[in-house]
């Protein structure tokens, strides 16, 4: 397939390495322009591009940039891109280390990817947000391998979700349906599945145990968990881009 990746950070680069190795044609973009991507191109085999070129290239498009930068994308970025082309959102909300406080994500029931979808003006499918980039690049294995990592996939469009789930499987992970985009809170930071590399049966059972509607208590618990994790990262001098 032709796949466009907007964002050349850890997740974007890891995806580019794997997708190129599988024979896909990948164009990758960042906010500074294709002339700054020589190193990324050498590492990944992807073709440097502008964000518009990456979006126009894709039979699947991946948006993998810091959450705070989503509103800065061109408003007509997806102009002319067919409605059936899935747009993947990999973003996570990191208020302390990177994004600053976003009240609409701190209160109420809006999920991170619903917020992204509102700003992009286009349906998105959430995946690749709850796995470390190194694991995404190096821990994919053949279907049926014991302990194969499962990745949750959430979205509202069945056809787009199925196309994305097929790509997840090709990358060497079990794709687990995490329901609608409104249910994608179950794979956000602070939840037990975030970074846990669970196998499919455990991930499905975990989602069942959480239910489909996030309670105020769950929201508060997961925000607190994430704040603790961010503080630990800050104490270790870890910075996010």
Protein backbone atom coordinates (compact mmCIF):
# COMPACT_ATOMS: atom_id res chain seq x y z
CA UNK A 1 0.00 0.00 0.00
CA UNK A 2 0.88 3.66 -0.14
CA UNK A 3 1.04 4.93 3.44
CA UNK A 4 1.57 8.51 4.59
CA UNK A 5 3.02 9.25 8.02
CA UNK A 6 2.71 12.75 9.46
CA UNK A 7 5.18 12.89 12.32
CA UNK A 8 8.74 11.55 12.35
CA UNK A 9 9.21 11.01 16.07
CA UNK A 10 9.64 7.70 17.85
CA UNK A 11 6.35 6.07 16.82
CA UNK A 12 6.36 7.52 13.30
CA UNK A 13 9.90 6.34 12.66
CA UNK A 14 9.26 2.89 14.14
CA UNK A 15 6.20 2.46 11.94
CA UNK A 16 8.14 3.63 8.89
CA UNK A 17 10.89 1.06 9.48
CA UNK A 18 8.42 -1.80 9.77
CA UNK A 19 6.12 -0.72 6.94
CA UNK A 20 8.98 -0.24 4.49
CA UNK A 21 10.39 -3.65 5.47
CA UNK A 22 7.00 -5.15 4.59
CA UNK A 23 7.13 -3.62 1.12
CA UNK A 24 4.82 -0.66 1.58
CA UNK A 25 5.57 2.69 -0.05
CA UNK A 26 5.90 5.20 2.79
CA UNK A 27 6.14 8.99 2.70
CA UNK A 28 7.00 10.64 6.01
CA UNK A 29 6.66 14.28 7.06
CA UNK A 30 7.52 16.48 10.02
CA UNK A 31 6.83 20.09 10.95
CA UNK A 32 10.21 21.37 9.75
CA UNK A 33 10.11 20.22 6.14
CA UNK A 34 11.41 17.29 4.09
CA UNK A 35 14.89 18.78 3.82
CA UNK A 36 15.37 17.99 7.53
CA UNK A 37 14.49 14.31 7.18
CA UNK A 38 17.62 12.88 5.55
CA UNK A 39 18.55 11.00 8.70
CA UNK A 40 15.04 9.61 9.10
CA UNK A 41 15.00 8.55 5.45
CA UNK A 42 18.33 6.75 5.86
CA UNK A 43 17.15 5.00 9.01
CA UNK A 44 13.69 4.01 7.81
CA UNK A 45 13.75 3.83 4.03
CA UNK A 46 10.75 6.15 3.87
CA UNK A 47 10.60 9.07 1.44
CA UNK A 48 10.73 12.57 2.99
CA UNK A 49 7.67 14.65 2.14
CA UNK A 50 5.59 17.60 3.20
CA UNK A 51 2.57 16.90 5.37
CA UNK A 52 0.31 17.53 2.39
CA UNK A 53 2.30 15.10 0.23
CA UNK A 54 2.14 12.43 2.92
CA UNK A 55 -1.62 12.88 3.28
CA UNK A 56 -2.17 12.70 -0.47
CA UNK A 57 0.05 9.60 -0.75
CA UNK A 58 -1.78 7.46 1.70
CA UNK A 59 -4.18 4.59 1.29
CA UNK A 60 -3.77 4.81 5.04
CA UNK A 61 -2.61 7.99 6.76
CA UNK A 62 -0.96 8.04 10.20
CA UNK A 63 -0.99 11.21 12.28
CA UNK A 64 1.58 10.79 15.03
CA UNK A 65 2.49 14.20 16.43
CA UNK A 66 2.29 15.70 19.93
CA UNK A 67 -1.31 16.27 20.93
CA UNK A 68 -0.72 19.98 21.50
CA UNK A 69 0.37 20.37 17.86
CA UNK A 70 -2.77 18.87 16.30
CA UNK A 71 -4.52 22.29 15.98
CA UNK A 72 -1.47 23.62 14.08
CA UNK A 73 -1.96 21.25 11.14
CA UNK A 74 -3.25 22.87 7.95
CA UNK A 75 -7.03 23.00 8.02
CA UNK A 76 -7.18 21.70 4.46
CA UNK A 77 -4.59 18.97 4.99
CA UNK A 78 -6.99 16.25 3.87
CA UNK A 79 -8.63 18.17 1.04
CA UNK A 80 -9.05 15.80 -1.87
CA UNK A 81 -8.26 12.71 0.20
CA UNK A 82 -10.95 10.09 -0.40
CA UNK A 83 -13.39 9.64 2.48
CA UNK A 84 -12.65 5.91 2.70
CA UNK A 85 -8.95 6.47 3.47
CA UNK A 86 -8.44 5.69 7.17
CA UNK A 87 -6.65 8.27 9.30
CA UNK A 88 -4.85 6.74 12.27
CA UNK A 89 -4.35 8.79 15.43
CA UNK A 90 -1.56 7.61 17.76
CA UNK A 91 -1.54 10.59 20.12
CA UNK A 92 -1.53 10.67 23.91
CA UNK A 93 -2.18 13.48 26.36
CA UNK A 94 0.89 14.38 28.46
CA UNK A 95 -0.06 17.57 30.35
CA UNK A 96 3.02 17.81 32.56
CA UNK A 97 5.83 16.85 30.20
CA UNK A 98 4.63 18.27 26.92
CA UNK A 99 1.06 19.34 26.15
CA UNK A 100 0.02 21.61 29.00
CA UNK A 101 -3.37 21.41 30.67
CA UNK A 102 -6.35 20.85 28.39
CA UNK A 103 -9.49 21.31 30.51
CA UNK A 104 -11.70 19.51 27.97
CA UNK A 105 -9.65 16.34 28.55
CA UNK A 106 -9.43 16.79 32.33
CA UNK A 107 -13.20 17.09 32.80
CA UNK A 108 -16.17 15.53 31.08
CA UNK A 109 -16.19 12.45 28.90
CA UNK A 110 -14.36 13.57 25.75
CA UNK A 111 -11.62 11.12 24.79
CA UNK A 112 -8.25 12.19 23.44
CA UNK A 113 -8.94 10.86 19.96
CA UNK A 114 -12.40 12.45 19.87
CA UNK A 115 -10.61 15.75 20.53
CA UNK A 116 -8.19 14.99 17.69
CA UNK A 117 -11.07 14.08 15.40
CA UNK A 118 -12.79 17.39 16.12
CA UNK A 119 -9.68 19.33 15.16
CA UNK A 120 -8.89 17.30 12.05
CA UNK A 121 -12.50 17.46 10.88
CA UNK A 122 -12.23 13.87 9.77
CA UNK A 123 -12.95 10.46 11.36
CA UNK A 124 -9.93 8.82 12.97
CA UNK A 125 -9.01 5.34 14.15
CA UNK A 126 -6.98 5.14 17.38
CA UNK A 127 -4.11 2.64 17.56
CA UNK A 128 -0.35 2.45 18.23
CA UNK A 129 -0.72 4.82 21.19
CA UNK A 130 -0.26 2.31 24.01
CA UNK A 131 2.92 0.52 22.91
CA UNK A 132 6.51 1.67 23.21
CA UNK A 133 8.14 2.59 19.91
CA UNK A 134 10.94 0.05 20.41
CA UNK A 135 8.38 -2.71 20.99
CA UNK A 136 6.40 -1.60 17.95
CA UNK A 137 9.50 -1.84 15.80
CA UNK A 138 10.99 -5.02 17.22
CA UNK A 139 8.38 -7.20 18.96
CA UNK A 140 5.99 -8.06 16.14
CA UNK A 141 5.79 -11.84 15.62
CA UNK A 142 3.88 -14.30 13.47
CA UNK A 143 0.20 -14.95 14.15
CA UNK A 144 -0.29 -17.77 16.64
CA UNK A 145 2.99 -17.15 18.46
CA UNK A 146 2.43 -17.59 22.22
CA UNK A 147 2.41 -14.28 24.04
CA UNK A 148 1.91 -12.23 20.87
CA UNK A 149 1.23 -8.63 21.89
CA UNK A 150 -2.29 -7.33 21.22
CA UNK A 151 -3.00 -3.74 20.23
CA UNK A 152 -6.40 -2.09 20.79
CA UNK A 153 -8.07 -0.43 17.81
CA UNK A 154 -10.95 2.01 18.34
CA UNK A 155 -13.04 3.84 15.77
CA UNK A 156 -16.52 4.53 14.51
CA UNK A 157 -16.22 3.42 10.87
CA UNK A 158 -16.29 -0.39 10.47
CA UNK A 159 -14.55 -0.43 7.09
CA UNK A 160 -11.75 1.90 8.19
CA UNK A 161 -11.30 -0.02 11.42
CA UNK A 162 -11.05 -3.36 9.61
CA UNK A 163 -8.41 -1.98 7.22
CA UNK A 164 -6.39 -0.69 10.15
CA UNK A 165 -6.77 -3.94 12.08
CA UNK A 166 -5.45 -5.86 9.06
CA UNK A 167 -2.40 -3.61 9.06
CA UNK A 168 -1.85 -4.22 12.78
CA UNK A 169 -1.93 -7.97 12.14
CA UNK A 170 0.55 -7.60 9.26
CA UNK A 171 2.91 -5.75 11.58
CA UNK A 172 2.95 -8.76 13.88
CA UNK A 173 0.40 -7.94 16.56
CA UNK A 174 -3.08 -9.19 17.40
CA UNK A 175 -5.64 -6.48 16.67
CA UNK A 176 -8.31 -6.22 19.37
CA UNK A 177 -11.45 -4.19 18.72
CA UNK A 178 -11.75 -1.53 21.42
CA UNK A 179 -15.16 -0.37 20.27
CA UNK A 180 -16.08 3.15 19.25
CA UNK A 181 -13.82 6.17 19.47
CA UNK A 182 -15.79 7.20 22.56
CA UNK A 183 -14.66 3.94 24.19
CA UNK A 184 -10.99 4.57 23.38
CA UNK A 185 -10.46 5.90 26.92
CA UNK A 186 -9.74 2.26 27.77
CA UNK A 187 -6.36 2.48 25.97
CA UNK A 188 -5.33 5.97 27.11
CA UNK A 189 -2.43 6.74 29.48
CA UNK A 190 -3.03 5.82 33.09
CA UNK A 191 -5.18 2.80 32.27
CA UNK A 192 -3.94 -0.73 33.05
CA UNK A 193 -3.50 -1.60 29.37
CA UNK A 194 -1.23 1.37 28.62
CA UNK A 195 2.24 0.04 27.81
CA UNK A 196 1.35 -3.36 29.27
CA UNK A 197 1.87 -5.48 26.10
CA UNK A 198 -1.05 -7.74 27.01
CA UNK A 199 -1.99 -10.76 24.86
CA UNK A 200 -5.35 -10.67 23.11
CA UNK A 201 -7.34 -12.75 25.57
CA UNK A 202 -6.22 -10.69 28.55
CA UNK A 203 -6.81 -7.40 26.73
CA UNK A 204 -10.36 -8.38 25.74
CA UNK A 205 -11.15 -9.53 29.28
CA UNK A 206 -9.74 -6.29 30.65
CA UNK A 207 -11.97 -4.19 28.40
CA UNK A 208 -15.01 -6.19 29.48
CA UNK A 209 -14.11 -5.60 33.12
CA UNK A 210 -13.90 -1.84 32.57
CA UNK A 211 -17.26 -1.51 30.84
CA UNK A 212 -17.95 0.77 27.91
CA UNK A 213 -18.85 4.03 29.69
CA UNK A 214 -16.11 5.70 31.73
CA UNK A 215 -17.24 6.70 35.20
CA UNK A 216 -16.06 9.83 36.99
CA UNK A 217 -14.18 7.61 39.43
CA UNK A 218 -12.39 5.80 36.61
CA UNK A 219 -11.49 9.09 34.94
CA UNK A 220 -10.06 10.47 38.19
CA UNK A 221 -8.14 7.27 38.87
CA UNK A 222 -6.51 7.14 35.44
CA UNK A 223 -5.62 10.83 35.45
CA UNK A 224 -3.96 10.29 38.84
CA UNK A 225 -2.11 7.22 37.58
CA UNK A 226 -0.86 9.15 34.58
CA UNK A 227 0.21 12.15 36.66
CA UNK A 228 2.26 9.82 38.87
CA UNK A 229 3.88 8.22 35.83
CA UNK A 230 4.66 11.64 34.33
CA UNK A 231 6.25 12.79 37.59
CA UNK A 232 8.45 9.70 37.63
CA UNK A 233 9.50 10.42 34.05
CA UNK A 234 10.25 14.03 34.98
CA UNK A 235 12.34 12.90 37.96
CA UNK A 236 14.32 10.68 35.58
CA UNK A 237 14.91 13.58 33.21
CA UNK A 238 12.81 12.06 30.43
CA UNK A 239 11.56 14.64 27.95
CA UNK A 240 8.84 14.18 25.36
CA UNK A 241 8.81 15.78 21.93
